[in-house]
Every structure is written in C-alpha cells, then in structure tokens.
C-alpha cells in the first residue's frame, strides 16, 4: 500500500495557513478536510492541495510528515512556489 505526505494551503482572514498530513487515500482525505470532517485544525476552511509525495511504507511517510511539519522554511518555499504558479490564489481568496 502506498502512503502519501501532503501539504494543504488556505487563506483565512487574509493570512495563508498551511497544514501537513499523511494518508493512504489522498482524494478521500482532502474531501474530509474540506467537509469539516478531517482534523480539528482544518475544520471550517477551504483547503487546496499544493504538494504531495508518495512513499512505499507508512513509517517512512510518517517520518517525512514529521520533518515537513517542523521545517517551516521548506513549507514557506512550497507555499511561495504554489502562489507564483497560481497568482490568483491569494487575491481570489481574500
């Protein structure tokens, strides 16, 4: 079974907020987050998937999820790259 580490982005009160998670079913997990049935932190917000990477083992995915959660510099780089490619993301969400 393949596991995925993902990074979500939302614009809440004119501030970009990111969320990192892992799952074995990314489509279903994103639907749960956007329907306020995912993690408590993600409730009530519209999330956009901006990054995901697949791993062959759950332990490797969890290890990489932990690293990405702690690496704010990398998260900022991924956010900026996404915003540059999707210029209307920030302005359309405000």
PDB file of N, CA and C in Angstrom:
ATOM      1  N   UNK A   1       0.838  -1.177   0.000  1.00  0.00           N
ATOM      2  CA  UNK A   1       0.000   0.000   0.000  1.00  0.00           C
ATOM      3  C   UNK A   1       0.884   1.241   0.000  1.00  0.00           C
ATOM      4  N   UNK A   2       0.502   2.242  -0.768  1.00  0.00           N
ATOM      5  CA  UNK A   2       1.272   3.476  -0.862  1.00  0.00           C
ATOM      6  C   UNK A   2       0.708   4.509   0.101  1.00  0.00           C
ATOM      7  N   UNK A   3       1.589   5.238   0.731  1.00  0.00           N
ATOM      8  CA  UNK A   3       1.210   6.301   1.649  1.00  0.00           C
ATOM      9  C   UNK A   3       1.695   7.635   1.095  1.00  0.00           C
ATOM     10  N   UNK A   4       1.003   8.684   1.439  1.00  0.00           N
ATOM     11  CA  UNK A   4       1.267   9.993   0.870  1.00  0.00           C
ATOM     12  C   UNK A   4       1.398  11.032   1.976  1.00  0.00           C
ATOM     13  N   UNK A   5       2.369  11.912   1.832  1.00  0.00           N
ATOM     14  CA  UNK A   5       2.514  13.079   2.698  1.00  0.00           C
ATOM     15  C   UNK A   5       2.053  14.263   1.866  1.00  0.00           C
ATOM     16  N   UNK A   6       1.236  15.136   2.465  1.00  0.00           N
ATOM     17  CA  UNK A   6       0.669  16.229   1.692  1.00  0.00           C
ATOM     18  C   UNK A   6       0.730  17.545   2.462  1.00  0.00           C
ATOM     19  N   UNK A   7       0.646  18.622   1.698  1.00  0.00           N
ATOM     20  CA  UNK A   7       0.637  19.968   2.257  1.00  0.00           C
ATOM     21  C   UNK A   7      -0.575  20.689   1.683  1.00  0.00           C
ATOM     22  N   UNK A   8      -1.415  21.213   2.570  1.00  0.00           N
ATOM     23  CA  UNK A   8      -2.605  21.950   2.184  1.00  0.00           C
ATOM     24  C   UNK A   8      -2.402  23.425   2.486  1.00  0.00           C
ATOM     25  N   UNK A   9      -3.098  24.270   1.733  1.00  0.00           N
ATOM     26  CA  UNK A   9      -2.981  25.709   1.921  1.00  0.00           C
ATOM     27  C   UNK A   9      -4.371  26.336   1.883  1.00  0.00           C
ATOM     28  N   UNK A  10      -4.597  27.321   2.743  1.00  0.00           N
ATOM     29  CA  UNK A  10      -5.836  28.077   2.746  1.00  0.00           C
ATOM     30  C   UNK A  10      -5.531  29.527   3.065  1.00  0.00           C
ATOM     31  N   UNK A  11      -6.466  30.387   2.695  1.00  0.00           N
ATOM     32  CA  UNK A  11      -6.357  31.801   3.017  1.00  0.00           C
ATOM     33  C   UNK A  11      -7.457  32.115   4.007  1.00  0.00           C
ATOM     34  N   UNK A  12      -7.097  32.363   5.242  1.00  0.00           N
ATOM     35  CA  UNK A  12      -8.064  32.621   6.298  1.00  0.00           C
ATOM     36  C   UNK A  12      -7.786  33.985   6.922  1.00  0.00           C
ATOM     37  N   UNK A  13      -8.745  34.874   6.817  1.00  0.00           N
ATOM     38  CA  UNK A  13      -8.604  36.225   7.378  1.00  0.00           C
ATOM     39  C   UNK A  13      -7.351  36.919   6.849  1.00  0.00           C
ATOM     40  N   UNK A  14      -7.161  36.830   5.524  1.00  0.00           N
ATOM     41  CA  UNK A  14      -6.027  37.458   4.825  1.00  0.00           C
ATOM     42  C   UNK A  14      -4.672  36.921   5.266  1.00  0.00           C
ATOM     43  N   UNK A  15      -4.649  35.689   5.762  1.00  0.00           N
ATOM     44  CA  UNK A  15      -3.400  35.070   6.183  1.00  0.00           C
ATOM     45  C   UNK A  15      -3.333  33.665   5.589  1.00  0.00           C
ATOM     46  N   UNK A  16      -2.195  33.315   4.996  1.00  0.00           N
ATOM     47  CA  UNK A  16      -2.020  31.984   4.441  1.00  0.00           C
ATOM     48  C   UNK A  16      -1.685  31.001   5.561  1.00  0.00           C
ATOM     49  N   UNK A  17      -2.428  29.923   5.616  1.00  0.00           N
ATOM     50  CA  UNK A  17      -2.230  28.897   6.631  1.00  0.00           C
ATOM     51  C   UNK A  17      -1.988  27.571   5.922  1.00  0.00           C
ATOM     52  N   UNK A  18      -1.018  26.818   6.411  1.00  0.00           N
ATOM     53  CA  UNK A  18      -0.731  25.518   5.807  1.00  0.00           C
ATOM     54  C   UNK A  18      -0.982  24.397   6.818  1.00  0.00           C
ATOM     55  N   UNK A  19      -1.200  23.210   6.283  1.00  0.00           N
ATOM     56  CA  UNK A  19      -1.442  22.025   7.104  1.00  0.00           C
ATOM     57  C   UNK A  19      -0.716  20.853   6.454  1.00  0.00           C
ATOM     58  N   UNK A  20      -0.009  20.067   7.245  1.00  0.00           N
ATOM     59  CA  UNK A  20       0.712  18.894   6.758  1.00  0.00           C
ATOM     60  C   UNK A  20       0.066  17.648   7.338  1.00  0.00           C
ATOM     61  N   UNK A  21      -0.082  16.630   6.502  1.00  0.00           N
ATOM     62  CA  UNK A  21      -0.655  15.372   6.960  1.00  0.00           C
ATOM     63  C   UNK A  21      -0.168  14.209   6.125  1.00  0.00           C
ATOM     64  N   UNK A  22      -0.601  13.013   6.479  1.00  0.00           N
ATOM     65  CA  UNK A  22      -0.269  11.818   5.703  1.00  0.00           C
ATOM     66  C   UNK A  22      -1.496  10.916   5.645  1.00  0.00           C
ATOM     67  N   UNK A  23      -1.587  10.127   4.586  1.00  0.00           N
ATOM     68  CA  UNK A  23      -2.740   9.259   4.384  1.00  0.00           C
ATOM     69  C   UNK A  23      -2.408   8.189   3.346  1.00  0.00           C
ATOM     70  N   UNK A  24      -3.290   7.192   3.260  1.00  0.00           N
ATOM     71  CA  UNK A  24      -3.144   6.206   2.191  1.00  0.00           C
ATOM     72  C   UNK A  24      -4.211   6.418   1.110  1.00  0.00           C
ATOM     73  N   UNK A  25      -5.084   7.426   1.282  1.00  0.00           N
ATOM     74  CA  UNK A  25      -6.108   7.769   0.301  1.00  0.00           C
ATOM     75  C   UNK A  25      -6.240   9.291   0.259  1.00  0.00           C
ATOM     76  N   UNK A  26      -5.457   9.922  -0.584  1.00  0.00           N
ATOM     77  CA  UNK A  26      -5.362  11.382  -0.605  1.00  0.00           C
ATOM     78  C   UNK A  26      -6.676  12.042  -1.027  1.00  0.00           C
ATOM     79  N   UNK A  27      -7.335  11.524  -2.047  1.00  0.00           N
ATOM     80  CA  UNK A  27      -8.589  12.133  -2.506  1.00  0.00           C
ATOM     81  C   UNK A  27      -9.638  12.143  -1.397  1.00  0.00           C
ATOM     82  N   UNK A  28      -9.799  11.020  -0.735  1.00  0.00           N
ATOM     83  CA  UNK A  28     -10.769  10.933   0.355  1.00  0.00           C
ATOM     84  C   UNK A  28     -10.400  11.856   1.514  1.00  0.00           C
ATOM     85  N   UNK A  29      -9.128  11.912   1.828  1.00  0.00           N
ATOM     86  CA  UNK A  29      -8.676  12.743   2.954  1.00  0.00           C
ATOM     87  C   UNK A  29      -8.924  14.226   2.670  1.00  0.00           C
ATOM     88  N   UNK A  30      -8.669  14.666   1.433  1.00  0.00           N
ATOM     89  CA  UNK A  30      -8.905  16.055   1.075  1.00  0.00           C
ATOM     90  C   UNK A  30     -10.399  16.382   1.159  1.00  0.00           C
ATOM     91  N   UNK A  31     -11.242  15.457   0.738  1.00  0.00           N
ATOM     92  CA  UNK A  31     -12.694  15.650   0.852  1.00  0.00           C
ATOM     93  C   UNK A  31     -13.105  15.789   2.321  1.00  0.00           C
ATOM     94  N   UNK A  32     -12.513  14.985   3.181  1.00  0.00           N
ATOM     95  CA  UNK A  32     -12.821  15.073   4.614  1.00  0.00           C
ATOM     96  C   UNK A  32     -12.413  16.428   5.188  1.00  0.00           C
ATOM     97  N   UNK A  33     -11.216  16.896   4.824  1.00  0.00           N
ATOM     98  CA  UNK A  33     -10.761  18.204   5.312  1.00  0.00           C
ATOM     99  C   UNK A  33     -11.711  19.307   4.857  1.00  0.00           C
ATOM    100  N   UNK A  34     -12.116  19.281   3.599  1.00  0.00           N
ATOM    101  CA  UNK A  34     -12.959  20.345   3.051  1.00  0.00           C
ATOM    102  C   UNK A  34     -14.416  20.250   3.483  1.00  0.00           C
ATOM    103  N   UNK A  35     -14.821  19.111   4.033  1.00  0.00           N
ATOM    104  CA  UNK A  35     -16.191  18.985   4.535  1.00  0.00           C
ATOM    105  C   UNK A  35     -16.241  19.096   6.060  1.00  0.00           C
ATOM    106  N   UNK A  36     -15.170  19.587   6.656  1.00  0.00           N
ATOM    107  CA  UNK A  36     -15.047  19.784   8.109  1.00  0.00           C
ATOM    108  C   UNK A  36     -15.143  18.489   8.897  1.00  0.00           C
ATOM    109  N   UNK A  37     -14.753  17.371   8.278  1.00  0.00           N
ATOM    110  CA  UNK A  37     -14.739  16.091   8.974  1.00  0.00           C
ATOM    111  C   UNK A  37     -13.319  15.551   9.104  1.00  0.00           C
ATOM    112  N   UNK A  38     -12.339  16.345   8.743  1.00  0.00           N
ATOM    113  CA  UNK A  38     -10.949  15.936   8.856  1.00  0.00           C
ATOM    114  C   UNK A  38     -10.405  16.302  10.219  1.00  0.00           C
ATOM    115  N   UNK A  39      -9.164  16.692  10.259  1.00  0.00           N
ATOM    116  CA  UNK A  39      -8.522  17.085  11.507  1.00  0.00           C
ATOM    117  C   UNK A  39      -9.191  18.333  12.081  1.00  0.00           C
ATOM    118  N   UNK A  40      -9.180  18.454  13.381  1.00  0.00           N
ATOM    119  CA  UNK A  40      -9.831  19.579  14.063  1.00  0.00           C
ATOM    120  C   UNK A  40      -9.306  20.924  13.553  1.00  0.00           C
ATOM    121  N   UNK A  41      -8.025  21.007  13.311  1.00  0.00           N
ATOM    122  CA  UNK A  41      -7.393  22.248  12.855  1.00  0.00           C
ATOM    123  C   UNK A  41      -7.942  22.701  11.503  1.00  0.00           C
ATOM    124  N   UNK A  42      -8.356  21.770  10.657  1.00  0.00           N
ATOM    125  CA  UNK A  42      -8.764  22.103   9.292  1.00  0.00           C
ATOM    126  C   UNK A  42     -10.245  22.431   9.157  1.00  0.00           C
ATOM    127  N   UNK A  43     -11.002  22.289  10.209  1.00  0.00           N
ATOM    128  CA  UNK A  43     -12.457  22.486  10.121  1.00  0.00           C
ATOM    129  C   UNK A  43     -12.822  23.923   9.788  1.00  0.00           C
ATOM    130  N   UNK A  44     -13.827  24.058   8.918  1.00  0.00           N
ATOM    131  CA  UNK A  44     -14.365  25.366   8.586  1.00  0.00           C
ATOM    132  C   UNK A  44     -13.576  26.158   7.568  1.00  0.00           C
ATOM    133  N   UNK A  45     -12.617  25.533   6.912  1.00  0.00           N
ATOM    134  CA  UNK A  45     -11.797  26.228   5.924  1.00  0.00           C
ATOM    135  C   UNK A  45     -11.813  25.455   4.610  1.00  0.00           C
ATOM    136  N   UNK A  46     -11.593  26.155   3.510  1.00  0.00           N
ATOM    137  CA  UNK A  46     -11.486  25.532   2.193  1.00  0.00           C
ATOM    138  C   UNK A  46     -10.005  25.348   1.889  1.00  0.00           C
ATOM    139  N   UNK A  47      -9.573  24.089   1.739  1.00  0.00           N
ATOM    140  CA  UNK A  47      -8.163  23.756   1.567  1.00  0.00           C
ATOM    141  C   UNK A  47      -7.839  23.428   0.121  1.00  0.00           C
ATOM    142  N   UNK A  48      -6.614  23.790  -0.282  1.00  0.00           N
ATOM    143  CA  UNK A  48      -6.099  23.482  -1.609  1.00  0.00           C
ATOM    144  C   UNK A  48      -4.835  22.644  -1.448  1.00  0.00           C
ATOM    145  N   UNK A  49      -4.777  21.535  -2.153  1.00  0.00           N
ATOM    146  CA  UNK A  49      -3.588  20.681  -2.124  1.00  0.00           C
ATOM    147  C   UNK A  49      -2.491  21.342  -2.943  1.00  0.00           C
ATOM    148  N   UNK A  50      -1.333  21.604  -2.325  1.00  0.00           N
ATOM    149  CA  UNK A  50      -0.246  22.250  -3.058  1.00  0.00           C
ATOM    150  C   UNK A  50       0.988  21.362  -3.202  1.00  0.00           C
ATOM    151  N   UNK A  51       1.058  20.282  -2.439  1.00  0.00           N
ATOM    152  CA  UNK A  51       2.232  19.399  -2.504  1.00  0.00           C
ATOM    153  C   UNK A  51       1.833  18.023  -1.995  1.00  0.00           C
ATOM    154  N   UNK A  52       2.346  16.981  -2.662  1.00  0.00           N
ATOM    155  CA  UNK A  52       2.207  15.624  -2.131  1.00  0.00           C
ATOM    156  C   UNK A  52       3.348  14.767  -2.652  1.00  0.00           C
ATOM    157  N   UNK A  53       3.718  13.797  -1.848  1.00  0.00           N
ATOM    158  CA  UNK A  53       4.799  12.873  -2.206  1.00  0.00           C
ATOM    159  C   UNK A  53       4.433  11.500  -1.679  1.00  0.00           C
ATOM    160  N   UNK A  54       4.648  10.462  -2.508  1.00  0.00           N
ATOM    161  CA  UNK A  54       4.261   9.101  -2.144  1.00  0.00           C
ATOM    162  C   UNK A  54       5.450   8.297  -1.616  1.00  0.00           C
ATOM    163  N   UNK A  55       5.127   7.403  -0.673  1.00  0.00           N
ATOM    164  CA  UNK A  55       6.124   6.527  -0.056  1.00  0.00           C
ATOM    165  C   UNK A  55       5.587   5.107  -0.031  1.00  0.00           C
ATOM    166  N   UNK A  56       6.495   4.132  -0.010  1.00  0.00           N
ATOM    167  CA  UNK A  56       6.095   2.727  -0.015  1.00  0.00           C
ATOM    168  C   UNK A  56       5.724   2.192   1.357  1.00  0.00           C
ATOM    169  N   UNK A  57       6.145   2.863   2.404  1.00  0.00           N
ATOM    170  CA  UNK A  57       5.841   2.367   3.752  1.00  0.00           C
ATOM    171  C   UNK A  57       5.228   3.485   4.599  1.00  0.00           C
ATOM    172  N   UNK A  58       4.392   3.073   5.520  1.00  0.00           N
ATOM    173  CA  UNK A  58       3.741   4.030   6.417  1.00  0.00           C
ATOM    174  C   UNK A  58       4.768   4.705   7.317  1.00  0.00           C
ATOM    175  N   UNK A  59       5.740   3.943   7.804  1.00  0.00           N
ATOM    176  CA  UNK A  59       6.738   4.511   8.711  1.00  0.00           C
ATOM    177  C   UNK A  59       7.573   5.587   8.014  1.00  0.00           C
ATOM    178  N   UNK A  60       7.916   5.379   6.770  1.00  0.00           N
ATOM    179  CA  UNK A  60       8.686   6.383   6.024  1.00  0.00           C
ATOM    180  C   UNK A  60       7.831   7.641   5.808  1.00  0.00           C
ATOM    181  N   UNK A  61       6.550   7.453   5.473  1.00  0.00           N
ATOM    182  CA  UNK A  61       5.653   8.597   5.278  1.00  0.00           C
ATOM    183  C   UNK A  61       5.502   9.396   6.568  1.00  0.00           C
ATOM    184  N   UNK A  62       5.317   8.716   7.688  1.00  0.00           N
ATOM    185  CA  UNK A  62       5.170   9.412   8.968  1.00  0.00           C
ATOM    186  C   UNK A  62       6.437  10.161   9.348  1.00  0.00           C
ATOM    187  N   UNK A  63       7.581   9.566   9.050  1.00  0.00           N
ATOM    188  CA  UNK A  63       8.858  10.216   9.322  1.00  0.00           C
ATOM    189  C   UNK A  63       8.992  11.491   8.487  1.00  0.00           C
ATOM    190  N   UNK A  64       8.639  11.414   7.209  1.00  0.00           N
ATOM    191  CA  UNK A  64       8.720  12.579   6.331  1.00  0.00           C
ATOM    192  C   UNK A  64       7.672  13.634   6.691  1.00  0.00           C
ATOM    193  N   UNK A  65       6.501  13.188   7.129  1.00  0.00           N
ATOM    194  CA  UNK A  65       5.472  14.127   7.587  1.00  0.00           C
ATOM    195  C   UNK A  65       5.996  14.928   8.769  1.00  0.00           C
ATOM    196  N   UNK A  66       6.612  14.266   9.715  1.00  0.00           N
ATOM    197  CA  UNK A  66       7.164  14.918  10.896  1.00  0.00           C
ATOM    198  C   UNK A  66       8.213  15.961  10.483  1.00  0.00           C
ATOM    199  N   UNK A  67       9.098  15.593   9.554  1.00  0.00           N
ATOM    200  CA  UNK A  67      10.135  16.526   9.094  1.00  0.00           C
ATOM    201  C   UNK A  67       9.522  17.756   8.432  1.00  0.00           C
ATOM    202  N   UNK A  68       8.515  17.543   7.576  1.00  0.00           N
ATOM    203  CA  UNK A  68       7.887  18.659   6.884  1.00  0.00           C
ATOM    204  C   UNK A  68       7.132  19.563   7.866  1.00  0.00           C
ATOM    205  N   UNK A  69       6.525  18.982   8.878  1.00  0.00           N
ATOM    206  CA  UNK A  69       5.828  19.780   9.887  1.00  0.00           C
ATOM    207  C   UNK A  69       6.788  20.702  10.623  1.00  0.00           C
ATOM    208  N   UNK A  70       7.988  20.264  10.849  1.00  0.00           N
ATOM    209  CA  UNK A  70       8.972  21.047  11.601  1.00  0.00           C
ATOM    210  C   UNK A  70       9.776  22.001  10.726  1.00  0.00           C
ATOM    211  N   UNK A  71       9.813  21.770   9.418  1.00  0.00           N
ATOM    212  CA  UNK A  71      10.643  22.567   8.509  1.00  0.00           C
ATOM    213  C   UNK A  71       9.825  23.719   7.917  1.00  0.00           C
ATOM    214  N   UNK A  72       9.692  24.802   8.677  1.00  0.00           N
ATOM    215  CA  UNK A  72       8.888  25.936   8.254  1.00  0.00           C
ATOM    216  C   UNK A  72       9.465  26.625   7.021  1.00  0.00           C
ATOM    217  N   UNK A  73      10.779  26.578   6.882  1.00  0.00           N
ATOM    218  CA  UNK A  73      11.420  27.200   5.724  1.00  0.00           C
ATOM    219  C   UNK A  73      10.990  26.479   4.441  1.00  0.00           C
ATOM    220  N   UNK A  74      11.012  25.156   4.433  1.00  0.00           N
ATOM    221  CA  UNK A  74      10.587  24.391   3.269  1.00  0.00           C
ATOM    222  C   UNK A  74       9.106  24.624   2.986  1.00  0.00           C
ATOM    223  N   UNK A  75       8.284  24.666   4.027  1.00  0.00           N
ATOM    224  CA  UNK A  75       6.857  24.923   3.845  1.00  0.00           C
ATOM    225  C   UNK A  75       6.640  26.290   3.207  1.00  0.00           C
ATOM    226  N   UNK A  76       7.404  27.291   3.614  1.00  0.00           N
ATOM    227  CA  UNK A  76       7.290  28.629   3.031  1.00  0.00           C
ATOM    228  C   UNK A  76       7.691  28.619   1.565  1.00  0.00           C
ATOM    229  N   UNK A  77       8.732  27.889   1.236  1.00  0.00           N
ATOM    230  CA  UNK A  77       9.178  27.784  -0.154  1.00  0.00           C
ATOM    231  C   UNK A  77       8.095  27.125  -1.001  1.00  0.00           C
ATOM    232  N   UNK A  78       7.492  26.045  -0.503  1.00  0.00           N
ATOM    233  CA  UNK A  78       6.433  25.363  -1.239  1.00  0.00           C
ATOM    234  C   UNK A  78       5.221  26.275  -1.416  1.00  0.00           C
ATOM    235  N   UNK A  79       4.891  27.047  -0.395  1.00  0.00           N
ATOM    236  CA  UNK A  79       3.768  27.992  -0.495  1.00  0.00           C
ATOM    237  C   UNK A  79       4.045  29.043  -1.563  1.00  0.00           C
ATOM    238  N   UNK A  80       5.241  29.644  -1.520  1.00  0.00           N
ATOM    239  CA  UNK A  80       5.585  30.687  -2.482  1.00  0.00           C
ATOM    240  C   UNK A  80       5.600  30.151  -3.907  1.00  0.00           C
ATOM    241  N   UNK A  81       6.143  28.953  -4.091  1.00  0.00           N
ATOM    242  CA  UNK A  81       6.149  28.344  -5.426  1.00  0.00           C
ATOM    243  C   UNK A  81       4.731  28.162  -5.939  1.00  0.00           C
ATOM    244  N   UNK A  82       3.842  27.692  -5.082  1.00  0.00           N
ATOM    245  CA  UNK A  82       2.455  27.485  -5.490  1.00  0.00           C
ATOM    246  C   UNK A  82       1.788  28.813  -5.849  1.00  0.00           C
ATOM    247  N   UNK A  83       2.006  29.830  -5.030  1.00  0.00           N
ATOM    248  CA  UNK A  83       1.383  31.134  -5.268  1.00  0.00           C
ATOM    249  C   UNK A  83       1.895  31.747  -6.573  1.00  0.00           C
ATOM    250  N   UNK A  84       3.200  31.596  -6.844  1.00  0.00           N
ATOM    251  CA  UNK A  84       3.752  32.122  -8.096  1.00  0.00           C
ATOM    252  C   UNK A  84       3.121  31.440  -9.303  1.00  0.00           C
ATOM    253  N   UNK A  85       2.884  30.144  -9.219  1.00  0.00           N
ATOM    254  CA  UNK A  85       2.289  29.400 -10.332  1.00  0.00           C
ATOM    255  C   UNK A  85       0.793  29.666 -10.445  1.00  0.00           C
ATOM    256  N   UNK A  86       0.151  30.034  -9.339  1.00  0.00           N
ATOM    257  CA  UNK A  86      -1.291  30.275  -9.290  1.00  0.00           C
ATOM    258  C   UNK A  86      -1.533  31.654  -8.701  1.00  0.00           C
ATOM    259  N   UNK A  87      -1.162  32.678  -9.448  1.00  0.00           N
ATOM    260  CA  UNK A  87      -1.184  34.054  -8.951  1.00  0.00           C
ATOM    261  C   UNK A  87      -2.538  34.481  -8.396  1.00  0.00           C
ATOM    262  N   UNK A  88      -3.605  33.927  -8.922  1.00  0.00           N
ATOM    263  CA  UNK A  88      -4.927  34.333  -8.467  1.00  0.00           C
ATOM    264  C   UNK A  88      -5.334  33.665  -7.153  1.00  0.00           C
ATOM    265  N   UNK A  89      -4.558  32.721  -6.632  1.00  0.00           N
ATOM    266  CA  UNK A  89      -4.912  32.038  -5.392  1.00  0.00           C
ATOM    267  C   UNK A  89      -5.043  33.023  -4.237  1.00  0.00           C
ATOM    268  N   UNK A  90      -4.055  33.859  -4.061  1.00  0.00           N
ATOM    269  CA  UNK A  90      -4.054  34.769  -2.915  1.00  0.00           C
ATOM    270  C   UNK A  90      -5.120  35.842  -3.064  1.00  0.00           C
ATOM    271  N   UNK A  91      -5.215  36.469  -4.230  1.00  0.00           N
ATOM    272  CA  UNK A  91      -6.164  37.557  -4.405  1.00  0.00           C
ATOM    273  C   UNK A  91      -7.607  37.049  -4.481  1.00  0.00           C
ATOM    274  N   UNK A  92      -7.831  35.872  -5.035  1.00  0.00           N
ATOM    275  CA  UNK A  92      -9.196  35.347  -5.157  1.00  0.00           C
ATOM    276  C   UNK A  92      -9.732  34.906  -3.808  1.00  0.00           C
ATOM    277  N   UNK A  93      -8.864  34.565  -2.886  1.00  0.00           N
ATOM    278  CA  UNK A  93      -9.284  34.058  -1.592  1.00  0.00           C
ATOM    279  C   UNK A  93      -9.550  35.157  -0.577  1.00  0.00           C
ATOM    280  N   UNK A  94      -9.089  36.342  -0.857  1.00  0.00           N
ATOM    281  CA  UNK A  94      -9.225  37.450   0.110  1.00  0.00           C
ATOM    282  C   UNK A  94     -10.636  37.995   0.101  1.00  0.00           C
TER     283      UNK A  94
END
